Amino acid sequence: MGLFGDLKGKAQGLIRGNEQAIKDGIGKAGDFVDSKTGGKYTSHVDKVQNGASTFVDKNADGTPNEAPAGQVVPPEKAP
């Protein structure tokens, strides 16, 4: 298993058993951003919160999954 697989496995291990605490943190972070921006980006913040919560749910059971659509970042091209 490569480096990415090792890191992903460790992340899944950290998520497992801590799902609710992570989701609470996601909610608090979103609320903080909303308070600092005066609610101007509430719909965007909500989408990110939902995507992050879904990611936590999908990876809590330890089965390999990819990030939710729209959150996959393509690798950078070498110069």
PDB file of N, CA and C in Angstrom:
ATOM      1  N   MET A   1       0.860  -1.178   0.000  1.00  0.00           N
ATOM      2  CA  MET A   1       0.000   0.000   0.000  1.00  0.00           C
ATOM      3  C   MET A   1       0.898   1.231   0.000  1.00  0.00           C
ATOM      4  N   GLY A   2       0.562   2.194  -0.839  1.00  0.00           N
ATOM      5  CA  GLY A   2       1.369   3.398  -0.971  1.00  0.00           C
ATOM      6  C   GLY A   2       1.134   4.391   0.155  1.00  0.00           C
ATOM      7  N   LEU A   3       1.827   5.475   0.075  1.00  0.00           N
ATOM      8  CA  LEU A   3       1.733   6.529   1.075  1.00  0.00           C
ATOM      9  C   LEU A   3       0.315   7.058   1.204  1.00  0.00           C
ATOM     10  N   PHE A   4      -0.338   7.288   0.048  1.00  0.00           N
ATOM     11  CA  PHE A   4      -1.710   7.796   0.085  1.00  0.00           C
ATOM     12  C   PHE A   4      -2.633   6.810   0.791  1.00  0.00           C
ATOM     13  N   GLY A   5      -2.496   5.539   0.493  1.00  0.00           N
ATOM     14  CA  GLY A   5      -3.318   4.511   1.129  1.00  0.00           C
ATOM     15  C   GLY A   5      -3.081   4.457   2.634  1.00  0.00           C
ATOM     16  N   ASP A   6      -1.816   4.604   3.050  1.00  0.00           N
ATOM     17  CA  ASP A   6      -1.492   4.607   4.480  1.00  0.00           C
ATOM     18  C   ASP A   6      -2.132   5.796   5.182  1.00  0.00           C
ATOM     19  N   LEU A   7      -2.022   6.973   4.565  1.00  0.00           N
ATOM     20  CA  LEU A   7      -2.610   8.172   5.161  1.00  0.00           C
ATOM     21  C   LEU A   7      -4.130   8.074   5.229  1.00  0.00           C
ATOM     22  N   LYS A   8      -4.724   7.539   4.164  1.00  0.00           N
ATOM     23  CA  LYS A   8      -6.175   7.391   4.132  1.00  0.00           C
ATOM     24  C   LYS A   8      -6.631   6.430   5.226  1.00  0.00           C
ATOM     25  N   GLY A   9      -5.907   5.337   5.403  1.00  0.00           N
ATOM     26  CA  GLY A   9      -6.244   4.380   6.450  1.00  0.00           C
ATOM     27  C   GLY A   9      -6.150   4.993   7.837  1.00  0.00           C
ATOM     28  N   LYS A  10      -5.129   5.797   8.058  1.00  0.00           N
ATOM     29  CA  LYS A  10      -4.978   6.471   9.352  1.00  0.00           C
ATOM     30  C   LYS A  10      -6.103   7.472   9.585  1.00  0.00           C
ATOM     31  N   ALA A  11      -6.480   8.200   8.525  1.00  0.00           N
ATOM     32  CA  ALA A  11      -7.579   9.164   8.652  1.00  0.00           C
ATOM     33  C   ALA A  11      -8.880   8.447   8.989  1.00  0.00           C
ATOM     34  N   GLN A  12      -9.127   7.319   8.327  1.00  0.00           N
ATOM     35  CA  GLN A  12     -10.339   6.560   8.617  1.00  0.00           C
ATOM     36  C   GLN A  12     -10.323   6.047  10.052  1.00  0.00           C
ATOM     37  N   GLY A  13      -9.155   5.662  10.541  1.00  0.00           N
ATOM     38  CA  GLY A  13      -9.037   5.222  11.925  1.00  0.00           C
ATOM     39  C   GLY A  13      -9.354   6.333  12.908  1.00  0.00           C
ATOM     40  N   LEU A  14      -8.952   7.546  12.575  1.00  0.00           N
ATOM     41  CA  LEU A  14      -9.242   8.693  13.445  1.00  0.00           C
ATOM     42  C   LEU A  14     -10.717   9.055  13.416  1.00  0.00           C
ATOM     43  N   ILE A  15     -11.337   8.907  12.248  1.00  0.00           N
ATOM     44  CA  ILE A  15     -12.758   9.233  12.120  1.00  0.00           C
ATOM     45  C   ILE A  15     -13.603   8.244  12.900  1.00  0.00           C
ATOM     46  N   ARG A  16     -13.278   6.955  12.761  1.00  0.00           N
ATOM     47  CA  ARG A  16     -14.068   5.895  13.381  1.00  0.00           C
ATOM     48  C   ARG A  16     -14.142   6.100  14.891  1.00  0.00           C
ATOM     49  N   GLY A  17     -15.345   6.213  15.399  1.00  0.00           N
ATOM     50  CA  GLY A  17     -15.561   6.398  16.826  1.00  0.00           C
ATOM     51  C   GLY A  17     -15.653   7.853  17.256  1.00  0.00           C
ATOM     52  N   ASN A  18     -15.295   8.760  16.363  1.00  0.00           N
ATOM     53  CA  ASN A  18     -15.315  10.189  16.682  1.00  0.00           C
ATOM     54  C   ASN A  18     -16.222  10.968  15.744  1.00  0.00           C
ATOM     55  N   GLU A  19     -17.135  10.261  15.094  1.00  0.00           N
ATOM     56  CA  GLU A  19     -17.958  10.885  14.061  1.00  0.00           C
ATOM     57  C   GLU A  19     -18.732  12.090  14.578  1.00  0.00           C
ATOM     58  N   GLN A  20     -19.385  11.939  15.705  1.00  0.00           N
ATOM     59  CA  GLN A  20     -20.223  13.032  16.212  1.00  0.00           C
ATOM     60  C   GLN A  20     -19.396  14.243  16.612  1.00  0.00           C
ATOM     61  N   ALA A  21     -18.253  14.021  17.230  1.00  0.00           N
ATOM     62  CA  ALA A  21     -17.386  15.139  17.610  1.00  0.00           C
ATOM     63  C   ALA A  21     -16.887  15.883  16.375  1.00  0.00           C
ATOM     64  N   ILE A  22     -16.558  15.143  15.327  1.00  0.00           N
ATOM     65  CA  ILE A  22     -16.091  15.763  14.089  1.00  0.00           C
ATOM     66  C   ILE A  22     -17.214  16.575  13.457  1.00  0.00           C
ATOM     67  N   LYS A  23     -18.419  15.992  13.428  1.00  0.00           N
ATOM     68  CA  LYS A  23     -19.566  16.709  12.853  1.00  0.00           C
ATOM     69  C   LYS A  23     -19.904  17.954  13.669  1.00  0.00           C
ATOM     70  N   ASP A  24     -19.782  17.876  14.984  1.00  0.00           N
ATOM     71  CA  ASP A  24     -20.007  19.058  15.824  1.00  0.00           C
ATOM     72  C   ASP A  24     -18.996  20.151  15.480  1.00  0.00           C
ATOM     73  N   GLY A  25     -17.734  19.746  15.265  1.00  0.00           N
ATOM     74  CA  GLY A  25     -16.695  20.702  14.890  1.00  0.00           C
ATOM     75  C   GLY A  25     -16.969  21.334  13.537  1.00  0.00           C
ATOM     76  N   ILE A  26     -17.461  20.532  12.602  1.00  0.00           N
ATOM     77  CA  ILE A  26     -17.822  21.051  11.280  1.00  0.00           C
ATOM     78  C   ILE A  26     -18.929  22.094  11.421  1.00  0.00           C
ATOM     79  N   GLY A  27     -19.918  21.799  12.242  1.00  0.00           N
ATOM     80  CA  GLY A  27     -21.023  22.738  12.463  1.00  0.00           C
ATOM     81  C   GLY A  27     -20.560  24.034  13.112  1.00  0.00           C
ATOM     82  N   LYS A  28     -19.699  23.903  14.120  1.00  0.00           N
ATOM     83  CA  LYS A  28     -19.189  25.097  14.801  1.00  0.00           C
ATOM     84  C   LYS A  28     -18.325  25.948  13.872  1.00  0.00           C
ATOM     85  N   ALA A  29     -17.523  25.292  13.042  1.00  0.00           N
ATOM     86  CA  ALA A  29     -16.683  26.042  12.098  1.00  0.00           C
ATOM     87  C   ALA A  29     -17.553  26.800  11.099  1.00  0.00           C
ATOM     88  N   GLY A  30     -18.600  26.137  10.610  1.00  0.00           N
ATOM     89  CA  GLY A  30     -19.512  26.807   9.680  1.00  0.00           C
ATOM     90  C   GLY A  30     -20.225  27.972  10.319  1.00  0.00           C
ATOM     91  N   ASP A  31     -20.660  27.802  11.559  1.00  0.00           N
ATOM     92  CA  ASP A  31     -21.312  28.894  12.285  1.00  0.00           C
ATOM     93  C   ASP A  31     -20.360  30.067  12.488  1.00  0.00           C
ATOM     94  N   PHE A  32     -19.088  29.765  12.753  1.00  0.00           N
ATOM     95  CA  PHE A  32     -18.082  30.807  12.933  1.00  0.00           C
ATOM     96  C   PHE A  32     -17.898  31.605  11.642  1.00  0.00           C
ATOM     97  N   VAL A  33     -17.784  30.882  10.531  1.00  0.00           N
ATOM     98  CA  VAL A  33     -17.621  31.565   9.236  1.00  0.00           C
ATOM     99  C   VAL A  33     -18.845  32.431   8.949  1.00  0.00           C
ATOM    100  N   ASP A  34     -20.034  31.892   9.209  1.00  0.00           N
ATOM    101  CA  ASP A  34     -21.258  32.680   8.997  1.00  0.00           C
ATOM    102  C   ASP A  34     -21.265  33.945   9.841  1.00  0.00           C
ATOM    103  N   SER A  35     -20.819  33.818  11.086  1.00  0.00           N
ATOM    104  CA  SER A  35     -20.826  34.993  11.964  1.00  0.00           C
ATOM    105  C   SER A  35     -19.822  36.044  11.494  1.00  0.00           C
ATOM    106  N   LYS A  36     -18.691  35.606  10.989  1.00  0.00           N
ATOM    107  CA  LYS A  36     -17.656  36.544  10.540  1.00  0.00           C
ATOM    108  C   LYS A  36     -17.985  37.189   9.194  1.00  0.00           C
ATOM    109  N   THR A  37     -18.811  36.525   8.397  1.00  0.00           N
ATOM    110  CA  THR A  37     -19.160  37.065   7.079  1.00  0.00           C
ATOM    111  C   THR A  37     -20.554  37.670   7.072  1.00  0.00           C
ATOM    112  N   GLY A  38     -21.190  37.729   8.228  1.00  0.00           N
ATOM    113  CA  GLY A  38     -22.525  38.303   8.312  1.00  0.00           C
ATOM    114  C   GLY A  38     -23.570  37.475   7.577  1.00  0.00           C
ATOM    115  N   GLY A  39     -23.317  36.187   7.405  1.00  0.00           N
ATOM    116  CA  GLY A  39     -24.274  35.311   6.736  1.00  0.00           C
ATOM    117  C   GLY A  39     -24.291  35.458   5.228  1.00  0.00           C
ATOM    118  N   LYS A  40     -23.335  36.207   4.692  1.00  0.00           N
ATOM    119  CA  LYS A  40     -23.316  36.483   3.253  1.00  0.00           C
ATOM    120  C   LYS A  40     -23.120  35.210   2.417  1.00  0.00           C
ATOM    121  N   TYR A  41     -22.420  34.232   2.960  1.00  0.00           N
ATOM    122  CA  TYR A  41     -22.102  33.014   2.219  1.00  0.00           C
ATOM    123  C   TYR A  41     -22.740  31.773   2.844  1.00  0.00           C
ATOM    124  N   THR A  42     -23.868  31.948   3.503  1.00  0.00           N
ATOM    125  CA  THR A  42     -24.509  30.859   4.226  1.00  0.00           C
ATOM    126  C   THR A  42     -24.775  29.648   3.345  1.00  0.00           C
ATOM    127  N   SER A  43     -25.275  29.855   2.142  1.00  0.00           N
ATOM    128  CA  SER A  43     -25.590  28.705   1.282  1.00  0.00           C
ATOM    129  C   SER A  43     -24.325  27.942   0.903  1.00  0.00           C
ATOM    130  N   HIS A  44     -23.232  28.647   0.673  1.00  0.00           N
ATOM    131  CA  HIS A  44     -21.966  27.990   0.343  1.00  0.00           C
ATOM    132  C   HIS A  44     -21.423  27.238   1.546  1.00  0.00           C
ATOM    133  N   VAL A  45     -21.493  27.866   2.702  1.00  0.00           N
ATOM    134  CA  VAL A  45     -21.015  27.235   3.935  1.00  0.00           C
ATOM    135  C   VAL A  45     -21.826  25.971   4.222  1.00  0.00           C
ATOM    136  N   ASP A  46     -23.136  26.045   4.021  1.00  0.00           N
ATOM    137  CA  ASP A  46     -23.987  24.877   4.251  1.00  0.00           C
ATOM    138  C   ASP A  46     -23.614  23.722   3.325  1.00  0.00           C
ATOM    139  N   LYS A  47     -23.311  24.025   2.075  1.00  0.00           N
ATOM    140  CA  LYS A  47     -22.917  22.976   1.126  1.00  0.00           C
ATOM    141  C   LYS A  47     -21.622  22.301   1.565  1.00  0.00           C
ATOM    142  N   VAL A  48     -20.675  23.096   2.023  1.00  0.00           N
ATOM    143  CA  VAL A  48     -19.403  22.536   2.481  1.00  0.00           C
ATOM    144  C   VAL A  48     -19.622  21.699   3.740  1.00  0.00           C
ATOM    145  N   GLN A  49     -20.442  22.198   4.652  1.00  0.00           N
ATOM    146  CA  GLN A  49     -20.737  21.442   5.871  1.00  0.00           C
ATOM    147  C   GLN A  49     -21.387  20.100   5.530  1.00  0.00           C
ATOM    148  N   ASN A  50     -22.348  20.108   4.617  1.00  0.00           N
ATOM    149  CA  ASN A  50     -23.017  18.870   4.231  1.00  0.00           C
ATOM    150  C   ASN A  50     -22.039  17.901   3.566  1.00  0.00           C
ATOM    151  N   GLY A  51     -21.188  18.409   2.705  1.00  0.00           N
ATOM    152  CA  GLY A  51     -20.198  17.558   2.047  1.00  0.00           C
ATOM    153  C   GLY A  51     -19.212  16.957   3.035  1.00  0.00           C
ATOM    154  N   ALA A  52     -18.760  17.761   3.977  1.00  0.00           N
ATOM    155  CA  ALA A  52     -17.814  17.263   4.976  1.00  0.00           C
ATOM    156  C   ALA A  52     -18.474  16.226   5.880  1.00  0.00           C
ATOM    157  N   SER A  53     -19.712  16.458   6.269  1.00  0.00           N
ATOM    158  CA  SER A  53     -20.432  15.492   7.101  1.00  0.00           C
ATOM    159  C   SER A  53     -20.658  14.185   6.351  1.00  0.00           C
ATOM    160  N   THR A  54     -20.972  14.274   5.072  1.00  0.00           N
ATOM    161  CA  THR A  54     -21.145  13.076   4.250  1.00  0.00           C
ATOM    162  C   THR A  54     -19.830  12.312   4.145  1.00  0.00           C
ATOM    163  N   PHE A  55     -18.739  13.034   3.980  1.00  0.00           N
ATOM    164  CA  PHE A  55     -17.422  12.406   3.924  1.00  0.00           C
ATOM    165  C   PHE A  55     -17.137  11.645   5.211  1.00  0.00           C
ATOM    166  N   VAL A  56     -17.460  12.246   6.347  1.00  0.00           N
ATOM    167  CA  VAL A  56     -17.256  11.583   7.635  1.00  0.00           C
ATOM    168  C   VAL A  56     -18.099  10.322   7.713  1.00  0.00           C
ATOM    169  N   ASP A  57     -19.354  10.424   7.305  1.00  0.00           N
ATOM    170  CA  ASP A  57     -20.240   9.253   7.335  1.00  0.00           C
ATOM    171  C   ASP A  57     -19.719   8.121   6.461  1.00  0.00           C
ATOM    172  N   LYS A  58     -19.276   8.455   5.266  1.00  0.00           N
ATOM    173  CA  LYS A  58     -18.813   7.431   4.327  1.00  0.00           C
ATOM    174  C   LYS A  58     -17.517   6.776   4.775  1.00  0.00           C
ATOM    175  N   ASN A  59     -16.682   7.493   5.484  1.00  0.00           N
ATOM    176  CA  ASN A  59     -15.384   6.958   5.872  1.00  0.00           C
ATOM    177  C   ASN A  59     -15.338   6.442   7.299  1.00  0.00           C
ATOM    178  N   ALA A  60     -16.442   6.518   8.007  1.00  0.00           N
ATOM    179  CA  ALA A  60     -16.466   6.071   9.395  1.00  0.00           C
ATOM    180  C   ALA A  60     -16.407   4.552   9.502  1.00  0.00           C
ATOM    181  N   ASP A  61     -16.889   3.850   8.484  1.00  0.00           N
ATOM    182  CA  ASP A  61     -16.927   2.395   8.573  1.00  0.00           C
ATOM    183  C   ASP A  61     -15.640   1.721   8.115  1.00  0.00           C
ATOM    184  N   GLY A  62     -14.686   2.494   7.638  1.00  0.00           N
ATOM    185  CA  GLY A  62     -13.395   1.941   7.261  1.00  0.00           C
ATOM    186  C   GLY A  62     -13.329   1.416   5.839  1.00  0.00           C
ATOM    187  N   THR A  63     -14.424   1.508   5.084  1.00  0.00           N
ATOM    188  CA  THR A  63     -14.377   1.077   3.695  1.00  0.00           C
ATOM    189  C   THR A  63     -13.826   2.198   2.844  1.00  0.00           C
ATOM    190  N   PRO A  64     -13.048   1.860   1.844  1.00  0.00           N
ATOM    191  CA  PRO A  64     -12.466   2.922   1.026  1.00  0.00           C
ATOM    192  C   PRO A  64     -13.527   3.670   0.232  1.00  0.00           C
ATOM    193  N   ASN A  65     -13.480   4.975   0.290  1.00  0.00           N
ATOM    194  CA  ASN A  65     -14.384   5.840  -0.458  1.00  0.00           C
ATOM    195  C   ASN A  65     -13.607   7.047  -0.927  1.00  0.00           C
ATOM    196  N   GLU A  66     -14.128   7.683  -1.934  1.00  0.00           N
ATOM    197  CA  GLU A  66     -13.515   8.910  -2.405  1.00  0.00           C
ATOM    198  C   GLU A  66     -14.235  10.095  -1.793  1.00  0.00           C
ATOM    199  N   ALA A  67     -13.621  11.250  -1.884  1.00  0.00           N
ATOM    200  CA  ALA A  67     -14.245  12.468  -1.389  1.00  0.00           C
ATOM    201  C   ALA A  67     -15.519  12.727  -2.179  1.00  0.00           C
ATOM    202  N   PRO A  68     -16.499  13.395  -1.576  1.00  0.00           N
ATOM    203  CA  PRO A  68     -17.725  13.722  -2.305  1.00  0.00           C
ATOM    204  C   PRO A  68     -17.415  14.535  -3.557  1.00  0.00           C
ATOM    205  N   ALA A  69     -18.272  14.415  -4.554  1.00  0.00           N
ATOM    206  CA  ALA A  69     -18.076  15.129  -5.815  1.00  0.00           C
ATOM    207  C   ALA A  69     -17.886  16.615  -5.553  1.00  0.00           C
ATOM    208  N   GLY A  70     -16.992  17.207  -6.272  1.00  0.00           N
ATOM    209  CA  GLY A  70     -16.731  18.630  -6.111  1.00  0.00           C
ATOM    210  C   GLY A  70     -15.625  18.901  -5.115  1.00  0.00           C
ATOM    211  N   GLN A  71     -15.200  17.894  -4.358  1.00  0.00           N
ATOM    212  CA  GLN A  71     -14.139  18.090  -3.382  1.00  0.00           C
ATOM    213  C   GLN A  71     -12.849  17.388  -3.791  1.00  0.00           C
ATOM    214  N   VAL A  72     -12.869  16.685  -4.918  1.00  0.00           N
ATOM    215  CA  VAL A  72     -11.683  16.008  -5.396  1.00  0.00           C
ATOM    216  C   VAL A  72     -10.809  17.036  -6.106  1.00  0.00           C
ATOM    217  N   VAL A  73      -9.591  17.169  -5.662  1.00  0.00           N
ATOM    218  CA  VAL A  73      -8.672  18.143  -6.229  1.00  0.00           C
ATOM    219  C   VAL A  73      -7.710  17.396  -7.144  1.00  0.00           C
ATOM    220  N   PRO A  74      -7.656  17.765  -8.424  1.00  0.00           N
ATOM    221  CA  PRO A  74      -6.745  17.073  -9.336  1.00  0.00           C
ATOM    222  C   PRO A  74      -5.302  17.357  -8.954  1.00  0.00           C
ATOM    223  N   PRO A  75      -4.407  16.402  -9.204  1.00  0.00           N
ATOM    224  CA  PRO A  75      -2.998  16.638  -8.881  1.00  0.00           C
ATOM    225  C   PRO A  75      -2.425  17.743  -9.744  1.00  0.00           C
ATOM    226  N   GLU A  76      -1.455  18.457  -9.178  1.00  0.00           N
ATOM    227  CA  GLU A  76      -0.815  19.532  -9.922  1.00  0.00           C
ATOM    228  C   GLU A  76       0.148  18.944 -10.942  1.00  0.00           C
ATOM    229  N   LYS A  77       0.268  19.621 -12.071  1.00  0.00           N
ATOM    230  CA  LYS A  77       1.194  19.163 -13.096  1.00  0.00           C
ATOM    231  C   LYS A  77       2.598  19.597 -12.720  1.00  0.00           C
ATOM    232  N   ALA A  78       3.555  18.727 -13.000  1.00  0.00           N
ATOM    233  CA  ALA A  78       4.946  19.053 -12.721  1.00  0.00           C
ATOM    234  C   ALA A  78       5.414  20.145 -13.672  1.00  0.00           C
ATOM    235  N   PRO A  79       6.236  21.083 -13.178  1.00  0.00           N
ATOM    236  CA  PRO A  79       6.721  22.172 -14.055  1.00  0.00           C
ATOM    237  C   PRO A  79       7.662  21.690 -15.112  1.00  0.00           C
TER     238      PRO A  79
END
